[in-house]
């Protein structure tokens, strides 16, 4: 005897329906945008405009050694203007295929606006010579900005059930890029934190004022709870671990004058900043939970 089943959709898929729950969604993303907006000048003021901030960050640069360099700089070389434009086209194509062109345009805007903002800030921001700093201004990191903005944009056009995989791959790449720029001596920790804030600002702004990314259609199904919970736990543990290692390395470096420890502290601080922003986006997107509450929606299906 055939069974009649009514399709269901989960709460996260129906929360962005343009009514009350949408206000909560917009508020969450607006809050992240405001956070990014505040972090950029705050980090610049503390790390770049003060003698103490410059000395601490330059101490990490003093720990750069040839033996510390990664065997390949492919991750950094990938980031270029043609690749950025190609990424925007691919994002728009995926969004068009999913009939979410408006979301795709918003995602592309996140990438382009983040890259443009990072370039503009680097041109207008100055690094005063108040602590015998050996290198010119590098705030913020364009490589880290684009790596994060690209991840956030791809997540916007990716079906919810596939986002855990996309996020893990993108997070690993973003952390690797942040580490490479610090190890190579291209950027300081503040440059990475500033890049995180720039990408977070534009993502939060687009998600707050733009169309809902998830609308409850089949492609927006949440998938299994297991992978999402694993990703959440891994992100939280990774943030905690990098912070802990970074603090220990900082203490060793400052008390013993160990530049290698200072470099490690800088790498861990950069990684922690990247992972913290990614975790915040993951939680704001409601990807950390899959409520069991469902409701009927749509015509009955014979199975």
Protein backbone atom coordinates (compact mmCIF):
# COMPACT_ATOMS: atom_id res chain seq x y z
CA UNK A 1 0.00 0.00 0.00
CA UNK A 2 1.54 3.33 -0.99
CA UNK A 3 2.41 5.71 1.80
CA UNK A 4 1.70 9.42 1.56
CA UNK A 5 4.53 11.51 3.02
CA UNK A 6 4.45 15.23 3.49
CA UNK A 7 7.74 16.97 2.77
CA UNK A 8 9.28 18.71 5.74
CA UNK A 9 11.78 21.43 6.11
CA UNK A 10 13.86 22.32 9.08
CA UNK A 11 13.66 25.43 11.15
CA UNK A 12 16.88 26.97 9.79
CA UNK A 13 15.48 26.76 6.27
CA UNK A 14 12.29 28.58 7.19
CA UNK A 15 13.73 31.17 9.53
CA UNK A 16 14.61 33.55 6.68
CA UNK A 17 11.13 33.80 5.28
CA UNK A 18 10.97 37.60 5.29
CA UNK A 19 8.84 37.90 8.44
CA UNK A 20 9.79 37.94 12.13
CA UNK A 21 12.64 35.41 12.05
CA UNK A 22 14.27 37.41 9.26
CA UNK A 23 14.73 40.29 11.68
CA UNK A 24 16.80 38.02 13.88
CA UNK A 25 18.85 36.93 10.88
CA UNK A 26 19.49 40.47 9.75
CA UNK A 27 20.38 41.54 13.28
CA UNK A 28 22.95 38.77 13.64
CA UNK A 29 24.72 39.69 10.45
CA UNK A 30 24.48 43.41 11.14
CA UNK A 31 26.12 42.76 14.50
CA UNK A 32 29.01 40.95 12.80
CA UNK A 33 29.34 43.80 10.29
CA UNK A 34 29.51 46.30 13.15
CA UNK A 35 32.10 44.15 14.88
CA UNK A 36 34.28 44.08 11.78
CA UNK A 37 33.86 47.82 11.35
CA UNK A 38 35.10 48.44 14.90
CA UNK A 39 37.97 45.94 14.81
CA UNK A 40 39.73 47.47 11.80
CA UNK A 41 40.52 50.90 13.30
CA UNK A 42 40.99 49.44 16.79
CA UNK A 43 43.67 46.98 15.70
CA UNK A 44 45.34 49.61 13.54
CA UNK A 45 45.42 52.09 16.42
CA UNK A 46 46.86 49.63 18.93
CA UNK A 47 49.28 47.63 16.78
CA UNK A 48 50.43 50.21 14.23
CA UNK A 49 50.13 53.60 15.91
CA UNK A 50 51.77 52.74 19.24
CA UNK A 51 55.46 52.01 19.96
CA UNK A 52 54.58 48.95 22.03
CA UNK A 53 52.43 47.47 19.29
CA UNK A 54 55.13 48.00 16.67
CA UNK A 55 57.86 46.51 18.84
CA UNK A 56 55.88 43.37 19.65
CA UNK A 57 54.98 42.69 16.04
CA UNK A 58 58.45 43.47 14.74
CA UNK A 59 59.89 41.05 17.29
CA UNK A 60 57.94 38.30 15.54
CA UNK A 61 59.33 39.40 12.17
CA UNK A 62 62.80 39.12 13.66
CA UNK A 63 62.19 35.42 14.18
CA UNK A 64 61.73 34.66 10.49
CA UNK A 65 64.35 32.16 9.33
CA UNK A 66 64.91 30.42 6.02
CA UNK A 67 64.25 27.06 7.68
CA UNK A 68 60.78 28.23 8.71
CA UNK A 69 59.57 28.86 5.16
CA UNK A 70 57.07 26.47 3.68
CA UNK A 71 58.24 24.44 0.74
CA UNK A 72 55.85 26.11 -1.67
CA UNK A 73 54.19 29.50 -2.05
CA UNK A 74 51.49 28.16 -4.37
CA UNK A 75 48.74 29.09 -1.92
CA UNK A 76 49.81 32.73 -2.14
CA UNK A 77 50.43 32.74 -5.89
CA UNK A 78 46.89 31.50 -6.50
CA UNK A 79 45.53 34.82 -5.25
CA UNK A 80 45.65 37.25 -8.19
CA UNK A 81 43.32 39.59 -10.04
CA UNK A 82 42.45 37.08 -12.82
CA UNK A 83 41.71 34.39 -10.24
CA UNK A 84 39.52 36.77 -8.26
CA UNK A 85 37.52 37.68 -11.36
CA UNK A 86 37.22 34.01 -12.33
CA UNK A 87 35.99 33.21 -8.83
CA UNK A 88 33.30 35.88 -9.07
CA UNK A 89 32.15 34.47 -12.42
CA UNK A 90 32.02 30.92 -11.04
CA UNK A 91 30.07 32.08 -7.98
CA UNK A 92 27.55 33.86 -10.19
CA UNK A 93 27.24 30.79 -12.42
CA UNK A 94 26.58 28.48 -9.47
CA UNK A 95 24.03 30.92 -8.07
CA UNK A 96 22.34 31.17 -11.47
CA UNK A 97 22.16 27.38 -11.73
CA UNK A 98 20.49 27.30 -8.30
CA UNK A 99 18.17 30.14 -9.34
CA UNK A 100 19.69 32.39 -6.68
CA UNK A 101 21.30 34.99 -8.91
CA UNK A 102 20.72 37.81 -6.43
CA UNK A 103 22.57 35.84 -3.77
CA UNK A 104 25.38 35.15 -6.24
CA UNK A 105 25.72 38.83 -7.04
CA UNK A 106 25.88 39.56 -3.33
CA UNK A 107 28.55 36.92 -2.87
CA UNK A 108 30.59 38.35 -5.71
CA UNK A 109 30.25 41.79 -4.18
CA UNK A 110 31.67 40.47 -0.89
CA UNK A 111 34.83 39.37 -2.70
CA UNK A 112 35.28 42.51 -4.79
CA UNK A 113 34.42 44.95 -1.98
CA UNK A 114 36.72 43.18 0.47
CA UNK A 115 39.62 43.19 -1.99
CA UNK A 116 39.06 46.85 -2.87
CA UNK A 117 38.81 47.88 0.78
CA UNK A 118 41.98 46.05 1.69
CA UNK A 119 43.87 47.70 -1.18
CA UNK A 120 42.52 51.15 -0.30
CA UNK A 121 43.39 50.83 3.39
CA UNK A 122 46.91 49.71 2.56
CA UNK A 123 47.38 52.80 0.38
CA UNK A 124 46.02 55.38 2.82
CA UNK A 125 47.12 53.88 6.13
CA UNK A 126 50.49 55.01 7.40
CA UNK A 127 52.97 53.29 9.71
CA UNK A 128 54.73 56.04 11.67
CA UNK A 129 58.39 55.52 12.50
CA UNK A 130 58.01 55.52 16.27
CA UNK A 131 59.72 52.24 17.15
CA UNK A 132 62.47 51.95 14.53
CA UNK A 133 60.20 49.67 12.50
CA UNK A 134 62.27 47.97 9.77
CA UNK A 135 59.45 47.56 7.26
CA UNK A 136 56.78 49.85 5.76
CA UNK A 137 53.05 49.65 6.33
CA UNK A 138 51.42 46.38 5.32
CA UNK A 139 48.01 46.77 7.00
CA UNK A 140 45.82 44.88 6.17
CA UNK A 141 46.83 41.69 4.37
CA UNK A 142 45.31 41.49 0.92
CA UNK A 143 46.02 37.77 0.62
CA UNK A 144 44.23 36.94 3.88
CA UNK A 145 41.34 39.26 3.01
CA UNK A 146 40.71 37.56 -0.32
CA UNK A 147 41.13 34.05 1.10
CA UNK A 148 38.46 34.71 3.73
CA UNK A 149 36.13 36.70 1.46
CA UNK A 150 36.31 33.93 -1.13
CA UNK A 151 35.40 31.32 1.47
CA UNK A 152 32.46 33.37 2.73
CA UNK A 153 31.23 34.03 -0.81
CA UNK A 154 31.41 30.37 -1.81
CA UNK A 155 29.51 29.41 1.34
CA UNK A 156 26.72 31.80 0.35
CA UNK A 157 26.01 29.93 -2.89
CA UNK A 158 26.68 26.43 -1.54
CA UNK A 159 23.73 24.26 -0.46
CA UNK A 160 23.54 23.94 3.32
CA UNK A 161 24.18 20.20 3.30
CA UNK A 162 27.53 20.75 1.55
CA UNK A 163 28.74 23.70 3.61
CA UNK A 164 30.56 21.63 6.27
CA UNK A 165 32.92 20.25 3.63
CA UNK A 166 33.37 23.61 1.91
CA UNK A 167 34.03 25.34 5.21
CA UNK A 168 36.67 22.86 6.34
CA UNK A 169 38.56 23.08 3.03
CA UNK A 170 38.29 26.86 2.94
CA UNK A 171 39.32 27.24 6.58
CA UNK A 172 42.44 25.13 6.07
CA UNK A 173 43.39 27.22 3.04
CA UNK A 174 42.75 30.53 4.83
CA UNK A 175 44.83 29.49 7.85
CA UNK A 176 47.62 28.32 5.56
CA UNK A 177 47.63 31.64 3.69
CA UNK A 178 47.71 33.60 6.96
CA UNK A 179 50.62 31.51 8.23
CA UNK A 180 52.56 31.82 5.00
CA UNK A 181 52.34 35.60 4.92
CA UNK A 182 53.57 35.81 8.52
CA UNK A 183 56.35 33.24 8.09
CA UNK A 184 57.57 34.94 4.91
CA UNK A 185 57.71 38.23 6.79
CA UNK A 186 55.22 39.82 4.42
CA UNK A 187 52.68 40.64 7.10
CA UNK A 188 52.29 41.11 10.81
CA UNK A 189 49.57 39.73 13.06
CA UNK A 190 47.62 42.99 12.94
CA UNK A 191 47.54 42.73 9.14
CA UNK A 192 45.84 39.34 9.38
CA UNK A 193 43.37 40.48 12.05
CA UNK A 194 42.55 43.55 9.99
CA UNK A 195 41.97 41.36 6.93
CA UNK A 196 39.60 39.16 8.92
CA UNK A 197 37.65 42.23 10.03
CA UNK A 198 37.38 43.62 6.49
CA UNK A 199 35.98 40.36 5.12
CA UNK A 200 33.67 40.01 8.12
CA UNK A 201 32.34 43.54 7.65
CA UNK A 202 31.37 43.09 4.02
CA UNK A 203 29.90 39.63 4.54
CA UNK A 204 27.85 40.85 7.49
CA UNK A 205 26.62 43.88 5.57
CA UNK A 206 25.57 41.89 2.51
CA UNK A 207 23.90 39.18 4.57
CA UNK A 208 22.10 41.80 6.68
CA UNK A 209 20.63 43.89 3.86
CA UNK A 210 20.66 41.41 0.97
CA UNK A 211 18.28 38.58 0.09
CA UNK A 212 18.03 35.51 2.30
CA UNK A 213 20.64 32.94 1.35
CA UNK A 214 18.45 29.99 2.38
CA UNK A 215 14.81 29.86 1.43
CA UNK A 216 13.79 26.33 2.37
CA UNK A 217 13.98 24.68 -1.03
CA UNK A 218 15.36 21.19 -1.60
CA UNK A 219 18.87 22.50 -2.24
CA UNK A 220 18.88 24.19 1.15
CA UNK A 221 18.32 21.00 3.15
CA UNK A 222 20.45 20.87 6.28
CA UNK A 223 21.79 17.35 5.80
CA UNK A 224 22.92 15.12 8.64
CA UNK A 225 23.55 16.53 12.10
CA UNK A 226 26.77 14.59 12.64
CA UNK A 227 29.11 16.43 10.24
CA UNK A 228 27.81 19.82 11.35
CA UNK A 229 28.38 19.03 15.01
CA UNK A 230 31.85 17.71 14.26
CA UNK A 231 32.75 20.88 12.37
CA UNK A 232 31.46 23.02 15.23
CA UNK A 233 33.50 21.14 17.83
CA UNK A 234 36.62 21.14 15.65
CA UNK A 235 36.36 24.89 15.07
CA UNK A 236 35.96 25.67 18.76
CA UNK A 237 38.83 23.36 19.74
CA UNK A 238 41.05 24.80 17.02
CA UNK A 239 40.45 28.35 18.24
CA UNK A 240 41.17 27.34 21.84
CA UNK A 241 44.31 25.41 20.88
CA UNK A 242 45.81 28.19 18.76
CA UNK A 243 45.11 30.76 21.47
CA UNK A 244 46.69 28.57 24.14
CA UNK A 245 49.81 27.80 22.11
CA UNK A 246 50.08 31.44 21.10
CA UNK A 247 49.92 32.68 24.70
CA UNK A 248 52.57 30.20 25.84
CA UNK A 249 54.84 31.12 22.93
CA UNK A 250 54.36 34.82 23.66
CA UNK A 251 55.34 34.34 27.30
CA UNK A 252 58.43 32.37 26.31
CA UNK A 253 59.38 34.92 23.69
CA UNK A 254 58.94 38.01 25.87
CA UNK A 255 60.66 36.59 28.95
CA UNK A 256 63.55 34.89 27.17
CA UNK A 257 64.01 37.10 24.14
CA UNK A 258 63.35 34.14 21.85
CA UNK A 259 62.46 35.51 18.41
CA UNK A 260 61.50 32.06 17.20
CA UNK A 261 58.91 31.83 19.98
CA UNK A 262 57.65 35.29 19.04
CA UNK A 263 57.23 34.16 15.44
CA UNK A 264 55.29 31.12 16.62
CA UNK A 265 53.12 33.39 18.77
CA UNK A 266 52.44 35.54 15.73
CA UNK A 267 51.52 32.55 13.62
CA UNK A 268 49.18 31.21 16.29
CA UNK A 269 47.58 34.62 16.80
CA UNK A 270 46.99 34.93 13.07
CA UNK A 271 45.52 31.43 12.90
CA UNK A 272 43.32 32.10 15.92
CA UNK A 273 41.99 35.28 14.33
CA UNK A 274 41.13 33.52 11.08
CA UNK A 275 39.51 30.58 12.86
CA UNK A 276 37.57 32.83 15.24
CA UNK A 277 36.03 34.80 12.37
CA UNK A 278 35.16 31.62 10.48
CA UNK A 279 33.58 30.17 13.63
CA UNK A 280 31.53 33.33 14.15
CA UNK A 281 30.23 33.12 10.58
CA UNK A 282 29.45 29.42 10.99
CA UNK A 283 27.44 30.09 14.16
CA UNK A 284 25.68 33.15 12.74
CA UNK A 285 24.60 31.08 9.76
CA UNK A 286 22.89 28.64 12.12
CA UNK A 287 25.03 25.77 10.88
CA UNK A 288 25.97 24.56 14.36
CA UNK A 289 22.55 23.06 15.12
CA UNK A 290 19.79 21.27 13.27
CA UNK A 291 16.59 21.59 15.31
CA UNK A 292 14.42 18.51 15.30
CA UNK A 293 11.33 20.62 14.93
CA UNK A 294 9.94 20.44 11.41
CA UNK A 295 6.72 21.51 9.82
CA UNK A 296 4.81 20.39 6.77
CA UNK A 297 5.39 22.38 3.67
CA UNK A 298 4.50 21.59 0.13
CA UNK A 299 2.36 18.93 -1.55
CA UNK A 300 2.15 15.35 -0.39
CA UNK A 301 4.49 12.93 -2.12
CA UNK A 302 3.65 9.28 -2.86
CA UNK A 303 6.53 6.97 -1.87
